[in-house]
N, C-alpha and C. Protein backbone atom coordinates (compact mmCIF):
# COMPACT_ATOMS: atom_id res chain seq x y z
N MET A 1 -32.63 41.29 51.17
CA MET A 1 -32.88 40.21 50.99
C MET A 1 -30.93 39.96 50.64
N GLN A 2 -30.95 38.84 50.59
CA GLN A 2 -29.96 38.06 50.23
C GLN A 2 -29.21 37.20 48.24
N LYS A 3 -27.82 38.54 47.99
CA LYS A 3 -28.39 37.20 46.65
C LYS A 3 -28.14 35.92 46.91
N THR A 4 -28.31 35.11 45.78
CA THR A 4 -27.38 34.20 45.95
C THR A 4 -26.79 33.26 44.92
N TYR A 5 -25.63 32.99 44.56
CA TYR A 5 -24.89 32.35 43.13
C TYR A 5 -24.50 30.73 43.06
N GLY A 6 -24.80 31.19 41.81
CA GLY A 6 -25.01 29.33 41.17
C GLY A 6 -25.74 29.01 41.03
N PHE A 7 -26.06 27.30 40.25
CA PHE A 7 -27.25 27.18 38.77
C PHE A 7 -27.88 26.49 40.33
N VAL A 8 -28.65 26.60 39.57
CA VAL A 8 -30.08 26.26 40.32
C VAL A 8 -29.92 24.20 39.12
N LEU A 9 -30.42 22.74 40.12
CA LEU A 9 -30.59 21.88 39.50
C LEU A 9 -31.18 21.58 38.22
N ILE A 10 -31.98 22.13 38.02
CA ILE A 10 -33.02 22.06 36.88
C ILE A 10 -32.54 22.87 35.42
N GLU A 11 -31.32 23.41 36.23
CA GLU A 11 -30.46 24.44 35.35
C GLU A 11 -29.72 23.35 34.40
N LEU A 12 -28.65 22.20 35.65
CA LEU A 12 -27.59 21.91 35.60
C LEU A 12 -28.24 20.43 35.23
N ILE A 13 -28.67 19.77 34.15
CA ILE A 13 -29.32 18.85 34.91
C ILE A 13 -29.95 18.97 32.15
N MET A 14 -30.47 20.36 32.44
CA MET A 14 -31.04 20.52 31.23
C MET A 14 -29.59 20.46 30.29
N VAL A 15 -28.23 21.05 30.76
CA VAL A 15 -26.75 21.11 30.22
C VAL A 15 -26.41 19.50 30.26
N LEU A 16 -27.02 19.32 30.89
CA LEU A 16 -26.21 17.98 31.14
C LEU A 16 -27.44 16.82 30.34
N GLY A 17 -28.31 16.69 29.85
CA GLY A 17 -29.21 16.30 28.93
C GLY A 17 -28.30 16.75 28.35
N ILE A 18 -28.30 17.97 27.15
CA ILE A 18 -27.59 18.89 25.43
C ILE A 18 -26.65 18.44 26.07
N LEU A 19 -25.50 17.90 26.06
CA LEU A 19 -24.25 17.00 26.67
C LEU A 19 -25.00 15.88 25.60
N VAL A 20 -25.19 15.85 26.30
CA VAL A 20 -25.06 14.33 26.12
C VAL A 20 -25.74 14.02 25.08
N THR A 21 -27.12 14.21 24.42
CA THR A 21 -27.92 14.03 23.19
C THR A 21 -27.19 14.33 22.54
N LEU A 22 -25.94 15.54 22.88
CA LEU A 22 -24.93 15.43 21.34
C LEU A 22 -23.89 15.33 21.04
N PHE A 23 -22.94 14.68 22.59
CA PHE A 23 -22.11 13.09 22.18
C PHE A 23 -23.04 12.26 21.62
N SER A 24 -24.18 11.47 21.59
CA SER A 24 -24.62 10.18 21.57
C SER A 24 -24.85 10.41 19.75
N ILE A 25 -24.93 12.04 19.60
CA ILE A 25 -25.34 12.15 17.62
C ILE A 25 -24.07 12.00 17.25
N GLY A 26 -22.66 12.19 17.90
CA GLY A 26 -21.25 12.82 16.91
C GLY A 26 -21.24 11.51 17.14
N TYR A 27 -21.04 10.33 18.12
CA TYR A 27 -20.82 8.88 18.44
C TYR A 27 -21.48 7.57 17.11
N VAL A 28 -22.28 7.93 17.28
CA VAL A 28 -23.43 6.96 15.74
C VAL A 28 -23.37 7.90 14.11
N ARG A 29 -22.83 9.30 14.19
CA ARG A 29 -22.20 9.82 12.94
C ARG A 29 -21.11 8.97 12.58
N LEU A 30 -19.83 8.64 14.13
CA LEU A 30 -18.25 7.73 13.66
C LEU A 30 -18.13 6.79 13.50
N THR A 31 -19.36 6.42 13.93
CA THR A 31 -19.46 4.57 13.55
C THR A 31 -19.27 4.57 12.95
N ALA A 32 -20.64 5.08 12.16
CA ALA A 32 -21.29 4.71 10.95
C ALA A 32 -20.42 5.28 9.78
N ILE A 33 -19.03 5.90 10.17
CA ILE A 33 -17.76 6.48 8.55
C ILE A 33 -17.10 4.76 9.20
N GLU A 34 -16.81 4.48 10.68
CA GLU A 34 -15.98 3.20 10.19
C GLU A 34 -16.36 2.72 9.88
N ARG A 35 -17.60 2.38 10.17
CA ARG A 35 -18.21 0.86 8.67
C ARG A 35 -18.72 1.50 7.30
N ARG A 36 -18.05 2.19 7.16
CA ARG A 36 -18.27 2.43 5.72
C ARG A 36 -16.37 2.30 4.77
N SER A 37 -15.63 2.86 5.55
CA SER A 37 -14.33 3.03 5.80
C SER A 37 -14.17 2.09 5.17
N PRO A 38 -13.69 0.72 5.37
CA PRO A 38 -13.47 -1.37 4.03
C PRO A 38 -13.77 -1.41 3.28
N ILE A 39 -15.55 -0.34 3.00
CA ILE A 39 -15.60 -1.07 1.90
C ILE A 39 -15.58 0.46 0.90
N THR A 40 -15.39 0.25 1.04
CA THR A 40 -14.94 2.90 0.37
C THR A 40 -12.90 2.34 -0.27
N ALA A 41 -12.55 1.52 0.12
CA ALA A 41 -11.18 1.70 0.39
C ALA A 41 -11.36 0.07 -0.85
N THR A 42 -12.45 -0.81 -0.61
CA THR A 42 -12.35 -2.37 -1.16
C THR A 42 -13.40 -1.51 -2.80
N VAL A 43 -13.78 -0.67 -2.92
CA VAL A 43 -13.77 0.22 -4.10
C VAL A 43 -13.28 0.70 -4.66
N ASN A 44 -12.08 1.20 -4.01
CA ASN A 44 -10.92 2.15 -3.81
C ASN A 44 -10.54 1.93 -5.48
N THR A 45 -10.00 0.75 -4.24
CA THR A 45 -8.67 -0.83 -4.73
C THR A 45 -9.35 -1.48 -6.73
N VAL A 46 -10.50 -1.32 -6.46
CA VAL A 46 -11.79 -2.25 -7.70
C VAL A 46 -11.03 -1.06 -8.40
N ILE A 47 -11.79 0.00 -8.91
CA ILE A 47 -12.06 1.00 -9.35
C ILE A 47 -10.69 0.86 -10.80
N ALA A 48 -9.33 1.03 -9.23
CA ALA A 48 -8.54 1.89 -10.27
C ALA A 48 -7.62 1.25 -10.30
N ASP A 49 -7.17 -1.01 -10.11
CA ASP A 49 -7.49 -2.27 -10.97
C ASP A 49 -7.94 -1.93 -12.48
N MET A 50 -9.40 -1.19 -12.60
CA MET A 50 -10.78 -1.13 -13.55
C MET A 50 -9.86 -0.53 -14.61
N ARG A 51 -8.76 1.12 -13.75
CA ARG A 51 -8.87 1.59 -14.65
C ARG A 51 -7.31 1.53 -15.50
N GLY A 52 -6.46 0.52 -14.05
CA GLY A 52 -4.98 -0.12 -14.69
C GLY A 52 -5.03 -1.13 -16.12
N GLN A 53 -6.04 -1.67 -16.17
CA GLN A 53 -6.32 -2.92 -16.91
C GLN A 53 -6.90 -1.95 -18.18
N GLN A 54 -7.40 -0.81 -17.81
CA GLN A 54 -8.17 -0.52 -19.37
C GLN A 54 -7.34 0.83 -19.57
N THR A 55 -6.12 1.16 -18.68
CA THR A 55 -5.04 1.77 -19.47
C THR A 55 -3.68 0.34 -20.42
N LYS A 56 -3.35 -0.20 -19.18
CA LYS A 56 -2.21 -0.88 -19.96
C LYS A 56 -3.92 -1.57 -21.90
N ALA A 57 -4.57 -1.98 -21.92
CA ALA A 57 -5.40 -2.52 -22.67
C ALA A 57 -4.31 -1.08 -24.04
N MET A 58 -5.33 0.24 -23.81
CA MET A 58 -5.45 1.48 -24.16
C MET A 58 -3.31 1.25 -24.90
N SER A 59 -2.61 1.75 -24.74
CA SER A 59 -1.64 1.61 -24.62
C SER A 59 -1.12 0.48 -25.17
N GLY A 60 -1.08 -0.77 -24.82
CA GLY A 60 0.21 -1.62 -24.59
C GLY A 60 1.06 -1.23 -23.70
N ASP A 61 0.82 -2.14 -22.59
CA ASP A 61 2.05 -2.76 -21.74
C ASP A 61 3.66 -3.14 -21.99
N ALA A 62 4.38 -2.76 -21.60
CA ALA A 62 5.63 -3.18 -22.55
C ALA A 62 6.02 -4.67 -21.56
N GLN A 63 5.07 -5.47 -21.73
CA GLN A 63 5.16 -6.69 -20.47
C GLN A 63 5.41 -7.73 -21.63
N GLY A 64 6.32 -7.15 -22.15
CA GLY A 64 6.75 -8.91 -23.48
C GLY A 64 5.80 -8.84 -24.55
N GLY A 65 5.06 -8.15 -24.58
CA GLY A 65 4.14 -7.70 -25.43
C GLY A 65 4.10 -6.79 -26.55
N SER A 66 3.68 -6.74 -28.07
CA SER A 66 3.76 -5.24 -28.22
C SER A 66 3.26 -4.96 -28.99
N GLY A 67 2.67 -4.39 -29.06
CA GLY A 67 1.43 -3.89 -29.23
C GLY A 67 0.44 -3.38 -27.41
N ALA A 68 -0.92 -3.28 -28.50
CA ALA A 68 -1.98 -3.14 -27.41
C ALA A 68 -2.37 -4.44 -28.02
N ASP A 69 -2.30 -4.69 -26.26
CA ASP A 69 -2.63 -6.89 -26.08
C ASP A 69 -4.55 -6.48 -25.17
N SER A 70 -4.50 -7.48 -25.18
CA SER A 70 -5.63 -7.77 -24.67
C SER A 70 -5.75 -7.91 -23.01
N TYR A 71 -6.68 -6.94 -21.79
CA TYR A 71 -6.34 -7.26 -20.98
C TYR A 71 -7.93 -6.82 -20.04
N GLY A 72 -7.93 -8.02 -19.60
CA GLY A 72 -9.53 -8.04 -18.35
C GLY A 72 -8.76 -8.27 -17.20
N ILE A 73 -10.69 -8.68 -16.33
CA ILE A 73 -10.13 -8.98 -14.97
C ILE A 73 -11.85 -10.38 -15.41
N TYR A 74 -10.80 -11.73 -14.64
CA TYR A 74 -11.92 -12.27 -14.59
C TYR A 74 -12.59 -11.76 -13.05
N PHE A 75 -13.38 -11.24 -12.25
CA PHE A 75 -14.57 -11.76 -11.39
C PHE A 75 -15.23 -13.35 -10.68
N GLN A 76 -14.56 -13.21 -10.16
CA GLN A 76 -15.54 -14.78 -9.08
C GLN A 76 -16.13 -14.28 -8.00
N THR A 77 -16.19 -14.97 -7.65
CA THR A 77 -17.34 -14.69 -5.73
C THR A 77 -16.63 -14.12 -5.03
N ASN A 78 -15.63 -13.93 -4.26
CA ASN A 78 -14.63 -13.56 -3.34
C ASN A 78 -13.54 -12.95 -3.40
N SER A 79 -13.68 -12.61 -5.65
CA SER A 79 -12.22 -12.23 -5.32
C SER A 79 -12.71 -12.07 -6.53
N TYR A 80 -10.72 -10.89 -6.96
CA TYR A 80 -11.45 -10.98 -8.82
C TYR A 80 -9.95 -10.89 -9.55
N THR A 81 -9.53 -11.40 -10.95
CA THR A 81 -8.30 -11.81 -10.92
C THR A 81 -8.06 -11.07 -12.25
N LEU A 82 -6.53 -9.72 -12.16
CA LEU A 82 -6.14 -9.61 -13.41
C LEU A 82 -5.49 -9.93 -14.02
N PHE A 83 -6.06 -10.51 -15.61
CA PHE A 83 -5.60 -11.33 -17.06
C PHE A 83 -4.47 -10.46 -17.53
N LYS A 84 -4.26 -11.00 -18.53
CA LYS A 84 -4.05 -10.64 -20.14
C LYS A 84 -4.34 -11.83 -21.00
N GLY A 85 -4.56 -11.81 -22.48
CA GLY A 85 -4.41 -12.03 -23.05
C GLY A 85 -6.06 -12.14 -23.18
N ALA A 86 -7.28 -12.72 -25.08
CA ALA A 86 -7.50 -12.74 -25.51
C ALA A 86 -8.55 -13.00 -23.61
N SER A 87 -8.90 -13.44 -23.28
CA SER A 87 -10.00 -14.27 -22.26
C SER A 87 -8.66 -15.23 -21.10
N PHE A 88 -9.53 -15.50 -20.19
CA PHE A 88 -9.37 -15.66 -18.75
C PHE A 88 -8.60 -16.88 -18.87
N ASN A 89 -7.36 -17.48 -18.59
CA ASN A 89 -7.16 -18.94 -18.60
C ASN A 89 -6.80 -19.78 -17.31
N ASN A 90 -7.55 -20.25 -16.46
CA ASN A 90 -7.47 -21.18 -15.13
C ASN A 90 -6.00 -21.57 -14.68
N ALA A 91 -5.85 -22.24 -15.55
CA ALA A 91 -5.46 -23.46 -16.16
C ALA A 91 -3.71 -22.75 -16.20
N GLU A 92 -3.63 -21.03 -16.73
CA GLU A 92 -2.44 -20.77 -16.03
C GLU A 92 -2.07 -20.22 -14.43
N ARG A 93 -3.16 -19.64 -13.90
CA ARG A 93 -3.70 -19.36 -13.26
C ARG A 93 -3.41 -20.25 -12.06
N LEU A 94 -3.27 -21.64 -12.74
CA LEU A 94 -3.48 -23.26 -11.88
C LEU A 94 -1.57 -22.93 -11.70
N ARG A 95 -1.10 -23.02 -12.92
CA ARG A 95 0.36 -23.02 -12.81
C ARG A 95 0.62 -22.35 -12.07
N ARG A 96 0.47 -21.45 -12.12
CA ARG A 96 1.96 -20.60 -11.59
C ARG A 96 0.93 -20.29 -9.36
N PHE A 97 0.01 -20.76 -9.68
CA PHE A 97 0.04 -21.28 -8.60
C PHE A 97 0.68 -22.10 -7.18
N CYS A 98 0.90 -23.63 -8.77
CA CYS A 98 2.07 -24.10 -8.16
C CYS A 98 3.08 -23.97 -8.53
N PHE A 99 3.64 -23.39 -9.26
CA PHE A 99 4.86 -22.81 -9.06
C PHE A 99 5.82 -22.04 -8.26
N LEU A 100 4.69 -21.38 -6.96
CA LEU A 100 4.53 -20.80 -6.20
C LEU A 100 5.15 -21.28 -4.23
N LEU A 101 3.64 -22.83 -4.28
CA LEU A 101 3.80 -23.34 -3.99
C LEU A 101 5.52 -24.62 -4.19
N VAL A 102 5.37 -24.48 -5.38
CA VAL A 102 6.89 -25.88 -5.23
C VAL A 102 7.85 -24.67 -4.78
N LEU A 103 8.47 -22.92 -4.82
CA LEU A 103 9.32 -21.83 -5.13
C LEU A 103 9.78 -22.01 -3.25
N PHE A 104 7.91 -22.09 -2.35
CA PHE A 104 7.97 -21.97 -1.33
C PHE A 104 8.63 -22.80 -0.26
N TYR A 105 8.01 -24.22 -0.95
CA TYR A 105 8.51 -25.70 -0.07
C TYR A 105 9.92 -25.41 -0.12
N LEU A 106 11.32 -25.19 -1.39
CA LEU A 106 12.08 -24.92 -2.06
C LEU A 106 12.81 -24.33 -1.07
N ARG A 107 11.88 -23.01 -0.50
CA ARG A 107 12.48 -22.14 0.09
C ARG A 107 13.40 -22.63 1.75
N LYS A 108 11.58 -22.72 1.69
CA LYS A 108 11.35 -24.19 3.55
C LYS A 108 12.34 -25.64 3.02
N GLU A 109 12.34 -26.07 2.44
CA GLU A 109 13.60 -27.33 2.42
C GLU A 109 14.70 -26.44 2.60
N ALA A 110 15.52 -25.42 2.00
CA ALA A 110 16.19 -24.41 2.40
C ALA A 110 16.90 -24.42 2.92
N ALA A 111 15.96 -24.11 4.09
CA ALA A 111 15.76 -22.75 5.09
C ALA A 111 16.99 -24.26 6.86
N MET A 112 15.70 -25.01 6.21
CA MET A 112 15.90 -27.14 7.21
C MET A 112 17.74 -26.47 7.01
N PHE A 113 17.64 -27.16 5.43
CA PHE A 113 18.70 -27.56 5.45
C PHE A 113 20.28 -26.75 6.15
N LEU A 114 20.54 -25.46 5.22
CA LEU A 114 21.41 -24.31 6.19
C LEU A 114 21.02 -24.05 7.77
N ASP A 115 20.50 -24.18 8.36
CA ASP A 115 19.70 -24.41 9.76
C ASP A 115 18.93 -22.77 9.94
N ILE A 116 18.52 -21.69 8.49
CA ILE A 116 18.79 -20.61 9.09
C ILE A 116 17.38 -20.44 9.17
N GLN A 117 16.36 -19.24 9.78
CA GLN A 117 15.14 -19.10 10.06
C GLN A 117 14.35 -18.47 8.31
N PRO A 118 13.33 -19.66 7.59
CA PRO A 118 13.07 -18.65 6.92
C PRO A 118 12.35 -17.20 6.50
């Protein structure tokens, strides 16, 4: 009787089937982690900002204020704003935005005047 070496076709198909199953499970788990990653980062950022505002309110931040000042967070639909004071003042936010817009425009004009890239 002659001895044969090697694998039977059914054995190879079974091993390949098991490997494909394991790789597909790993792929599904990996893509689920990738989808959750940005959400987790955003939640961690919001929590850190909330704790920072809480710490400032409890200890009294030294940004031109004396003693313990009020700090808060104003949540909007797609964003939130950190503020100092008893309540959120949207007019102050608009004033700061206009100031930054003017600074940007002046920088652009100065760059054009001096013939440099901003």
